[in-house]
Each structure stands twice: as structure tokens, then as C-alpha cells.
Amino acid sequence: MIDDTITAALIYEQQGLRAEAMEIYKRVLERDPSSEDALAALRRLNTQTQGVNAQMLEFFVSLSPDAEVKIREFKRWLIKI
């Protein structure tokens, strides 16, 4: 597996694997919350995602061990629409 670095995320981006790149950028930010490169990349990828609800994309990309809580939030969101 490729290391969680900005370079690795850029490689995924170039291959068209935006979701994977976003996950790496998020892990970079977990280690270094002040990473301007990772923040800028996430903003860029979020604006490039057309036809997808950015809030829900963020939701799924950020799923972690507390996924059950997030899934309940998603169900509540679905009921609202």
C-alpha cells in the first residue's frame, strides 16, 4: 500500500481516484492539521465533484470505526429528503 503522503494522494488524483486521494489527504490532516497542501487539495477535490452532494460525499469518505453513529445520521438525512 502507498504511504499516506501528499505525493501518494497526488498519484491517486492523477489516476482519477478522487475518493482515495481525499482519504489520504484526510489522514495527512489527522497527523498535521496545519497542512496547507492537504487542505487546499481537499477544497479543490470537493469543488471538482459535480453531481454529488458534497456533504454526503464527505460523510462517506470520513467513515471510521464509529460508522454506526454516522449511518444513523445518514438515515436521518435520508428521511429529511
PDB file of N, CA and C in Angstrom:
ATOM      1  N   MET A   1       0.843  -1.189   0.000  1.00  0.00           N
ATOM      2  CA  MET A   1       0.000   0.000   0.000  1.00  0.00           C
ATOM      3  C   MET A   1       0.884   1.247   0.000  1.00  0.00           C
ATOM      4  N   ILE A   2       0.444   2.269  -0.689  1.00  0.00           N
ATOM      5  CA  ILE A   2       1.194   3.524  -0.766  1.00  0.00           C
ATOM      6  C   ILE A   2       1.068   4.261   0.560  1.00  0.00           C
ATOM      7  N   ASP A   3       2.157   4.896   0.980  1.00  0.00           N
ATOM      8  CA  ASP A   3       2.144   5.675   2.212  1.00  0.00           C
ATOM      9  C   ASP A   3       1.147   6.817   2.129  1.00  0.00           C
ATOM     10  N   ASP A   4       0.702   7.260   3.301  1.00  0.00           N
ATOM     11  CA  ASP A   4      -0.226   8.391   3.376  1.00  0.00           C
ATOM     12  C   ASP A   4       0.556   9.700   3.304  1.00  0.00           C
ATOM     13  N   THR A   5       0.877  10.112   2.088  1.00  0.00           N
ATOM     14  CA  THR A   5       1.608  11.355   1.877  1.00  0.00           C
ATOM     15  C   THR A   5       0.902  12.174   0.802  1.00  0.00           C
ATOM     16  N   ILE A   6       1.253  13.440   0.732  1.00  0.00           N
ATOM     17  CA  ILE A   6       0.703  14.310  -0.299  1.00  0.00           C
ATOM     18  C   ILE A   6       1.038  13.744  -1.683  1.00  0.00           C
ATOM     19  N   THR A   7       2.255  13.258  -1.841  1.00  0.00           N
ATOM     20  CA  THR A   7       2.670  12.693  -3.129  1.00  0.00           C
ATOM     21  C   THR A   7       1.804  11.499  -3.513  1.00  0.00           C
ATOM     22  N   ALA A   8       1.531  10.621  -2.554  1.00  0.00           N
ATOM     23  CA  ALA A   8       0.687   9.463  -2.826  1.00  0.00           C
ATOM     24  C   ALA A   8      -0.713   9.913  -3.236  1.00  0.00           C
ATOM     25  N   ALA A   9      -1.250  10.896  -2.547  1.00  0.00           N
ATOM     26  CA  ALA A   9      -2.584  11.402  -2.874  1.00  0.00           C
ATOM     27  C   ALA A   9      -2.599  12.001  -4.281  1.00  0.00           C
ATOM     28  N   LEU A  10      -1.545  12.715  -4.629  1.00  0.00           N
ATOM     29  CA  LEU A  10      -1.467  13.289  -5.979  1.00  0.00           C
ATOM     30  C   LEU A  10      -1.443  12.201  -7.048  1.00  0.00           C
ATOM     31  N   ILE A  11      -0.765  11.106  -6.756  1.00  0.00           N
ATOM     32  CA  ILE A  11      -0.732   9.988  -7.698  1.00  0.00           C
ATOM     33  C   ILE A  11      -2.153   9.439  -7.895  1.00  0.00           C
ATOM     34  N   TYR A  12      -2.879   9.273  -6.799  1.00  0.00           N
ATOM     35  CA  TYR A  12      -4.261   8.808  -6.912  1.00  0.00           C
ATOM     36  C   TYR A  12      -5.095   9.793  -7.721  1.00  0.00           C
ATOM     37  N   GLU A  13      -4.909  11.082  -7.463  1.00  0.00           N
ATOM     38  CA  GLU A  13      -5.660  12.092  -8.215  1.00  0.00           C
ATOM     39  C   GLU A  13      -5.389  11.966  -9.711  1.00  0.00           C
ATOM     40  N   GLN A  14      -4.120  11.814 -10.077  1.00  0.00           N
ATOM     41  CA  GLN A  14      -3.757  11.720 -11.488  1.00  0.00           C
ATOM     42  C   GLN A  14      -4.359  10.485 -12.136  1.00  0.00           C
ATOM     43  N   GLN A  15      -4.621   9.471 -11.346  1.00  0.00           N
ATOM     44  CA  GLN A  15      -5.237   8.260 -11.865  1.00  0.00           C
ATOM     45  C   GLN A  15      -6.761   8.353 -11.864  1.00  0.00           C
ATOM     46  N   GLY A  16      -7.288   9.484 -11.410  1.00  0.00           N
ATOM     47  CA  GLY A  16      -8.734   9.672 -11.370  1.00  0.00           C
ATOM     48  C   GLY A  16      -9.396   9.074 -10.144  1.00  0.00           C
ATOM     49  N   LEU A  17      -8.614   8.698  -9.167  1.00  0.00           N
ATOM     50  CA  LEU A  17      -9.144   8.076  -7.942  1.00  0.00           C
ATOM     51  C   LEU A  17      -9.315   9.146  -6.862  1.00  0.00           C
ATOM     52  N   ARG A  18     -10.298   9.998  -7.069  1.00  0.00           N
ATOM     53  CA  ARG A  18     -10.505  11.139  -6.169  1.00  0.00           C
ATOM     54  C   ARG A  18     -10.839  10.731  -4.736  1.00  0.00           C
ATOM     55  N   ALA A  19     -11.722   9.768  -4.577  1.00  0.00           N
ATOM     56  CA  ALA A  19     -12.126   9.362  -3.224  1.00  0.00           C
ATOM     57  C   ALA A  19     -10.928   8.843  -2.438  1.00  0.00           C
ATOM     58  N   GLU A  20     -10.089   8.047  -3.090  1.00  0.00           N
ATOM     59  CA  GLU A  20      -8.907   7.517  -2.422  1.00  0.00           C
ATOM     60  C   GLU A  20      -7.940   8.639  -2.061  1.00  0.00           C
ATOM     61  N   ALA A  21      -7.779   9.589  -2.983  1.00  0.00           N
ATOM     62  CA  ALA A  21      -6.904  10.736  -2.721  1.00  0.00           C
ATOM     63  C   ALA A  21      -7.425  11.541  -1.532  1.00  0.00           C
ATOM     64  N   MET A  22      -8.731  11.747  -1.497  1.00  0.00           N
ATOM     65  CA  MET A  22      -9.316  12.507  -0.395  1.00  0.00           C
ATOM     66  C   MET A  22      -9.076  11.809   0.940  1.00  0.00           C
ATOM     67  N   GLU A  23      -9.193  10.503   0.944  1.00  0.00           N
ATOM     68  CA  GLU A  23      -8.946   9.765   2.189  1.00  0.00           C
ATOM     69  C   GLU A  23      -7.516   9.982   2.667  1.00  0.00           C
ATOM     70  N   ILE A  24      -6.569   9.957   1.748  1.00  0.00           N
ATOM     71  CA  ILE A  24      -5.169  10.173   2.131  1.00  0.00           C
ATOM     72  C   ILE A  24      -4.976  11.585   2.650  1.00  0.00           C
ATOM     73  N   TYR A  25      -5.547  12.566   1.954  1.00  0.00           N
ATOM     74  CA  TYR A  25      -5.419  13.949   2.426  1.00  0.00           C
ATOM     75  C   TYR A  25      -5.986  14.090   3.843  1.00  0.00           C
ATOM     76  N   LYS A  26      -7.071  13.426   4.108  1.00  0.00           N
ATOM     77  CA  LYS A  26      -7.660  13.497   5.449  1.00  0.00           C
ATOM     78  C   LYS A  26      -6.733  12.874   6.494  1.00  0.00           C
ATOM     79  N   ARG A  27      -6.094  11.770   6.138  1.00  0.00           N
ATOM     80  CA  ARG A  27      -5.155  11.146   7.078  1.00  0.00           C
ATOM     81  C   ARG A  27      -3.931  12.036   7.292  1.00  0.00           C
ATOM     82  N   VAL A  28      -3.512  12.725   6.227  1.00  0.00           N
ATOM     83  CA  VAL A  28      -2.405  13.679   6.366  1.00  0.00           C
ATOM     84  C   VAL A  28      -2.811  14.762   7.363  1.00  0.00           C
ATOM     85  N   LEU A  29      -4.042  15.247   7.236  1.00  0.00           N
ATOM     86  CA  LEU A  29      -4.527  16.287   8.142  1.00  0.00           C
ATOM     87  C   LEU A  29      -4.672  15.786   9.576  1.00  0.00           C
ATOM     88  N   GLU A  30      -4.975  14.519   9.753  1.00  0.00           N
ATOM     89  CA  GLU A  30      -5.032  13.969  11.115  1.00  0.00           C
ATOM     90  C   GLU A  30      -3.661  14.053  11.768  1.00  0.00           C
ATOM     91  N   ARG A  31      -2.622  13.777  10.978  1.00  0.00           N
ATOM     92  CA  ARG A  31      -1.257  13.846  11.506  1.00  0.00           C
ATOM     93  C   ARG A  31      -0.768  15.280  11.628  1.00  0.00           C
ATOM     94  N   ASP A  32      -1.154  16.116  10.648  1.00  0.00           N
ATOM     95  CA  ASP A  32      -0.682  17.502  10.612  1.00  0.00           C
ATOM     96  C   ASP A  32      -1.840  18.419  10.228  1.00  0.00           C
ATOM     97  N   PRO A  33      -2.640  18.848  11.218  1.00  0.00           N
ATOM     98  CA  PRO A  33      -3.816  19.670  10.933  1.00  0.00           C
ATOM     99  C   PRO A  33      -3.512  20.998  10.231  1.00  0.00           C
ATOM    100  N   SER A  34      -2.261  21.422  10.236  1.00  0.00           N
ATOM    101  CA  SER A  34      -1.912  22.693   9.599  1.00  0.00           C
ATOM    102  C   SER A  34      -1.404  22.527   8.169  1.00  0.00           C
ATOM    103  N   SER A  35      -1.520  21.327   7.603  1.00  0.00           N
ATOM    104  CA  SER A  35      -1.023  21.074   6.253  1.00  0.00           C
ATOM    105  C   SER A  35      -1.848  21.852   5.226  1.00  0.00           C
ATOM    106  N   GLU A  36      -1.263  22.927   4.741  1.00  0.00           N
ATOM    107  CA  GLU A  36      -1.943  23.758   3.745  1.00  0.00           C
ATOM    108  C   GLU A  36      -2.154  22.996   2.442  1.00  0.00           C
ATOM    109  N   ASP A  37      -1.188  22.143   2.093  1.00  0.00           N
ATOM    110  CA  ASP A  37      -1.315  21.368   0.851  1.00  0.00           C
ATOM    111  C   ASP A  37      -2.519  20.440   0.902  1.00  0.00           C
ATOM    112  N   ALA A  38      -2.682  19.738   2.018  1.00  0.00           N
ATOM    113  CA  ALA A  38      -3.806  18.804   2.154  1.00  0.00           C
ATOM    114  C   ALA A  38      -5.133  19.559   2.192  1.00  0.00           C
ATOM    115  N   LEU A  39      -5.167  20.682   2.911  1.00  0.00           N
ATOM    116  CA  LEU A  39      -6.400  21.476   2.977  1.00  0.00           C
ATOM    117  C   LEU A  39      -6.787  21.994   1.597  1.00  0.00           C
ATOM    118  N   ALA A  40      -5.816  22.522   0.862  1.00  0.00           N
ATOM    119  CA  ALA A  40      -6.098  23.053  -0.472  1.00  0.00           C
ATOM    120  C   ALA A  40      -6.561  21.938  -1.411  1.00  0.00           C
ATOM    121  N   ALA A  41      -5.935  20.781  -1.305  1.00  0.00           N
ATOM    122  CA  ALA A  41      -6.312  19.662  -2.164  1.00  0.00           C
ATOM    123  C   ALA A  41      -7.732  19.205  -1.880  1.00  0.00           C
ATOM    124  N   LEU A  42      -8.095  19.126  -0.606  1.00  0.00           N
ATOM    125  CA  LEU A  42      -9.467  18.722  -0.262  1.00  0.00           C
ATOM    126  C   LEU A  42     -10.477  19.734  -0.781  1.00  0.00           C
ATOM    127  N   ARG A  43     -10.157  21.007  -0.659  1.00  0.00           N
ATOM    128  CA  ARG A  43     -11.068  22.041  -1.190  1.00  0.00           C
ATOM    129  C   ARG A  43     -11.209  21.880  -2.706  1.00  0.00           C
ATOM    130  N   ARG A  44     -10.078  21.662  -3.366  1.00  0.00           N
ATOM    131  CA  ARG A  44     -10.089  21.508  -4.817  1.00  0.00           C
ATOM    132  C   ARG A  44     -10.921  20.293  -5.228  1.00  0.00           C
ATOM    133  N   LEU A  45     -10.700  19.180  -4.572  1.00  0.00           N
ATOM    134  CA  LEU A  45     -11.440  17.962  -4.923  1.00  0.00           C
ATOM    135  C   LEU A  45     -12.922  18.102  -4.624  1.00  0.00           C
ATOM    136  N   ASN A  46     -13.255  18.788  -3.550  1.00  0.00           N
ATOM    137  CA  ASN A  46     -14.669  18.988  -3.226  1.00  0.00           C
ATOM    138  C   ASN A  46     -15.362  19.834  -4.281  1.00  0.00           C
ATOM    139  N   THR A  47     -14.667  20.825  -4.837  1.00  0.00           N
ATOM    140  CA  THR A  47     -15.302  21.673  -5.848  1.00  0.00           C
ATOM    141  C   THR A  47     -15.357  20.980  -7.202  1.00  0.00           C
ATOM    142  N   GLN A  48     -14.487  19.992  -7.424  1.00  0.00           N
ATOM    143  CA  GLN A  48     -14.485  19.266  -8.697  1.00  0.00           C
ATOM    144  C   GLN A  48     -15.561  18.189  -8.746  1.00  0.00           C
ATOM    145  N   THR A  49     -16.087  17.832  -7.614  1.00  0.00           N
ATOM    146  CA  THR A  49     -17.074  16.760  -7.559  1.00  0.00           C
ATOM    147  C   THR A  49     -18.422  17.319  -7.989  1.00  0.00           C
ATOM    148  N   GLN A  50     -18.802  17.016  -9.206  1.00  0.00           N
ATOM    149  CA  GLN A  50     -20.050  17.545  -9.745  1.00  0.00           C
ATOM    150  C   GLN A  50     -21.123  16.474  -9.702  1.00  0.00           C
ATOM    151  N   GLY A  51     -22.338  16.877  -9.393  1.00  0.00           N
ATOM    152  CA  GLY A  51     -23.449  15.954  -9.378  1.00  0.00           C
ATOM    153  C   GLY A  51     -23.511  15.099  -8.123  1.00  0.00           C
ATOM    154  N   VAL A  52     -22.658  15.381  -7.184  1.00  0.00           N
ATOM    155  CA  VAL A  52     -22.637  14.622  -5.937  1.00  0.00           C
ATOM    156  C   VAL A  52     -22.865  15.594  -4.796  1.00  0.00           C
ATOM    157  N   ASN A  53     -23.693  15.214  -3.871  1.00  0.00           N
ATOM    158  CA  ASN A  53     -23.910  16.033  -2.696  1.00  0.00           C
ATOM    159  C   ASN A  53     -22.616  16.037  -1.896  1.00  0.00           C
ATOM    160  N   ALA A  54     -21.944  17.186  -1.830  1.00  0.00           N
ATOM    161  CA  ALA A  54     -20.641  17.276  -1.168  1.00  0.00           C
ATOM    162  C   ALA A  54     -20.723  16.884   0.301  1.00  0.00           C
ATOM    163  N   GLN A  55     -21.822  17.227   0.949  1.00  0.00           N
ATOM    164  CA  GLN A  55     -21.980  16.880   2.360  1.00  0.00           C
ATOM    165  C   GLN A  55     -22.017  15.362   2.543  1.00  0.00           C
ATOM    166  N   MET A  56     -22.730  14.671   1.671  1.00  0.00           N
ATOM    167  CA  MET A  56     -22.809  13.221   1.791  1.00  0.00           C
ATOM    168  C   MET A  56     -21.511  12.556   1.349  1.00  0.00           C
ATOM    169  N   LEU A  57     -20.841  13.130   0.354  1.00  0.00           N
ATOM    170  CA  LEU A  57     -19.541  12.600  -0.038  1.00  0.00           C
ATOM    171  C   LEU A  57     -18.572  12.684   1.135  1.00  0.00           C
ATOM    172  N   GLU A  58     -18.537  13.817   1.767  1.00  0.00           N
ATOM    173  CA  GLU A  58     -17.685  13.999   2.950  1.00  0.00           C
ATOM    174  C   GLU A  58     -18.050  12.983   4.028  1.00  0.00           C
ATOM    175  N   PHE A  59     -19.325  12.776   4.205  1.00  0.00           N
ATOM    176  CA  PHE A  59     -19.819  11.828   5.201  1.00  0.00           C
ATOM    177  C   PHE A  59     -19.245  10.430   4.951  1.00  0.00           C
ATOM    178  N   PHE A  60     -19.350   9.952   3.722  1.00  0.00           N
ATOM    179  CA  PHE A  60     -18.888   8.597   3.420  1.00  0.00           C
ATOM    180  C   PHE A  60     -17.378   8.491   3.432  1.00  0.00           C
ATOM    181  N   VAL A  61     -16.706   9.513   2.951  1.00  0.00           N
ATOM    182  CA  VAL A  61     -15.249   9.489   2.955  1.00  0.00           C
ATOM    183  C   VAL A  61     -14.705   9.465   4.376  1.00  0.00           C
ATOM    184  N   SER A  62     -15.433  10.082   5.285  1.00  0.00           N
ATOM    185  CA  SER A  62     -14.944  10.180   6.664  1.00  0.00           C
ATOM    186  C   SER A  62     -15.407   9.034   7.560  1.00  0.00           C
ATOM    187  N   LEU A  63     -16.060   8.025   7.001  1.00  0.00           N
ATOM    188  CA  LEU A  63     -16.495   6.903   7.841  1.00  0.00           C
ATOM    189  C   LEU A  63     -15.300   6.261   8.532  1.00  0.00           C
ATOM    190  N   SER A  64     -15.471   5.968   9.778  1.00  0.00           N
ATOM    191  CA  SER A  64     -14.401   5.410  10.588  1.00  0.00           C
ATOM    192  C   SER A  64     -14.983   4.356  11.521  1.00  0.00           C
ATOM    193  N   PRO A  65     -14.246   3.951  12.545  1.00  0.00           N
ATOM    194  CA  PRO A  65     -14.770   2.926  13.449  1.00  0.00           C
ATOM    195  C   PRO A  65     -16.117   3.283  14.076  1.00  0.00           C
ATOM    196  N   ASP A  66     -16.444   4.544  14.157  1.00  0.00           N
ATOM    197  CA  ASP A  66     -17.741   4.929  14.712  1.00  0.00           C
ATOM    198  C   ASP A  66     -18.802   4.989  13.611  1.00  0.00           C
ATOM    199  N   ALA A  67     -18.671   4.129  12.628  1.00  0.00           N
ATOM    200  CA  ALA A  67     -19.554   4.152  11.459  1.00  0.00           C
ATOM    201  C   ALA A  67     -21.021   3.985  11.823  1.00  0.00           C
ATOM    202  N   GLU A  68     -21.324   3.242  12.867  1.00  0.00           N
ATOM    203  CA  GLU A  68     -22.729   3.052  13.231  1.00  0.00           C
ATOM    204  C   GLU A  68     -23.401   4.385  13.531  1.00  0.00           C
ATOM    205  N   VAL A  69     -22.704   5.265  14.223  1.00  0.00           N
ATOM    206  CA  VAL A  69     -23.244   6.589  14.526  1.00  0.00           C
ATOM    207  C   VAL A  69     -23.456   7.355  13.228  1.00  0.00           C
ATOM    208  N   LYS A  70     -22.482   7.295  12.331  1.00  0.00           N
ATOM    209  CA  LYS A  70     -22.590   8.000  11.062  1.00  0.00           C
ATOM    210  C   LYS A  70     -23.730   7.435  10.211  1.00  0.00           C
ATOM    211  N   ILE A  71     -23.916   6.138  10.240  1.00  0.00           N
ATOM    212  CA  ILE A  71     -25.000   5.528   9.468  1.00  0.00           C
ATOM    213  C   ILE A  71     -26.354   5.991   9.996  1.00  0.00           C
ATOM    214  N   ARG A  72     -26.490   6.105  11.306  1.00  0.00           N
ATOM    215  CA  ARG A  72     -27.745   6.635  11.867  1.00  0.00           C
ATOM    216  C   ARG A  72     -27.965   8.069  11.398  1.00  0.00           C
ATOM    217  N   GLU A  73     -26.888   8.876  11.363  1.00  0.00           N
ATOM    218  CA  GLU A  73     -27.002  10.251  10.869  1.00  0.00           C
ATOM    219  C   GLU A  73     -27.448  10.249   9.417  1.00  0.00           C
ATOM    220  N   PHE A  74     -26.892   9.339   8.621  1.00  0.00           N
ATOM    221  CA  PHE A  74     -27.252   9.246   7.213  1.00  0.00           C
ATOM    222  C   PHE A  74     -28.713   8.882   7.048  1.00  0.00           C
ATOM    223  N   LYS A  75     -29.185   7.939   7.832  1.00  0.00           N
ATOM    224  CA  LYS A  75     -30.599   7.551   7.762  1.00  0.00           C
ATOM    225  C   LYS A  75     -31.494   8.742   8.087  1.00  0.00           C
ATOM    226  N   ARG A  76     -31.124   9.514   9.101  1.00  0.00           N
ATOM    227  CA  ARG A  76     -31.914  10.714   9.426  1.00  0.00           C
ATOM    228  C   ARG A  76     -31.894  11.705   8.271  1.00  0.00           C
ATOM    229  N   TRP A  77     -30.748  11.845   7.610  1.00  0.00           N
ATOM    230  CA  TRP A  77     -30.638  12.742   6.487  1.00  0.00           C
ATOM    231  C   TRP A  77     -31.530  12.270   5.337  1.00  0.00           C
ATOM    232  N   LEU A  78     -31.530  10.965   5.066  1.00  0.00           N
ATOM    233  CA  LEU A  78     -32.374  10.419   4.002  1.00  0.00           C
ATOM    234  C   LEU A  78     -33.853  10.666   4.269  1.00  0.00           C
ATOM    235  N   ILE A  79     -34.250  10.528   5.503  1.00  0.00           N
ATOM    236  CA  ILE A  79     -35.649  10.734   5.841  1.00  0.00           C
ATOM    237  C   ILE A  79     -36.079  12.157   5.567  1.00  0.00           C
ATOM    238  N   LYS A  80     -35.151  13.107   5.736  1.00  0.00           N
ATOM    239  CA  LYS A  80     -35.455  14.526   5.515  1.00  0.00           C
ATOM    240  C   LYS A  80     -35.686  14.862   4.043  1.00  0.00           C
ATOM    241  N   ILE A  81     -35.056  14.109   3.118  1.00  0.00           N
ATOM    242  CA  ILE A  81     -35.169  14.485   1.706  1.00  0.00           C
ATOM    243  C   ILE A  81     -36.323  13.818   1.014  1.00  0.00           C
TER     244      ILE A  81
END
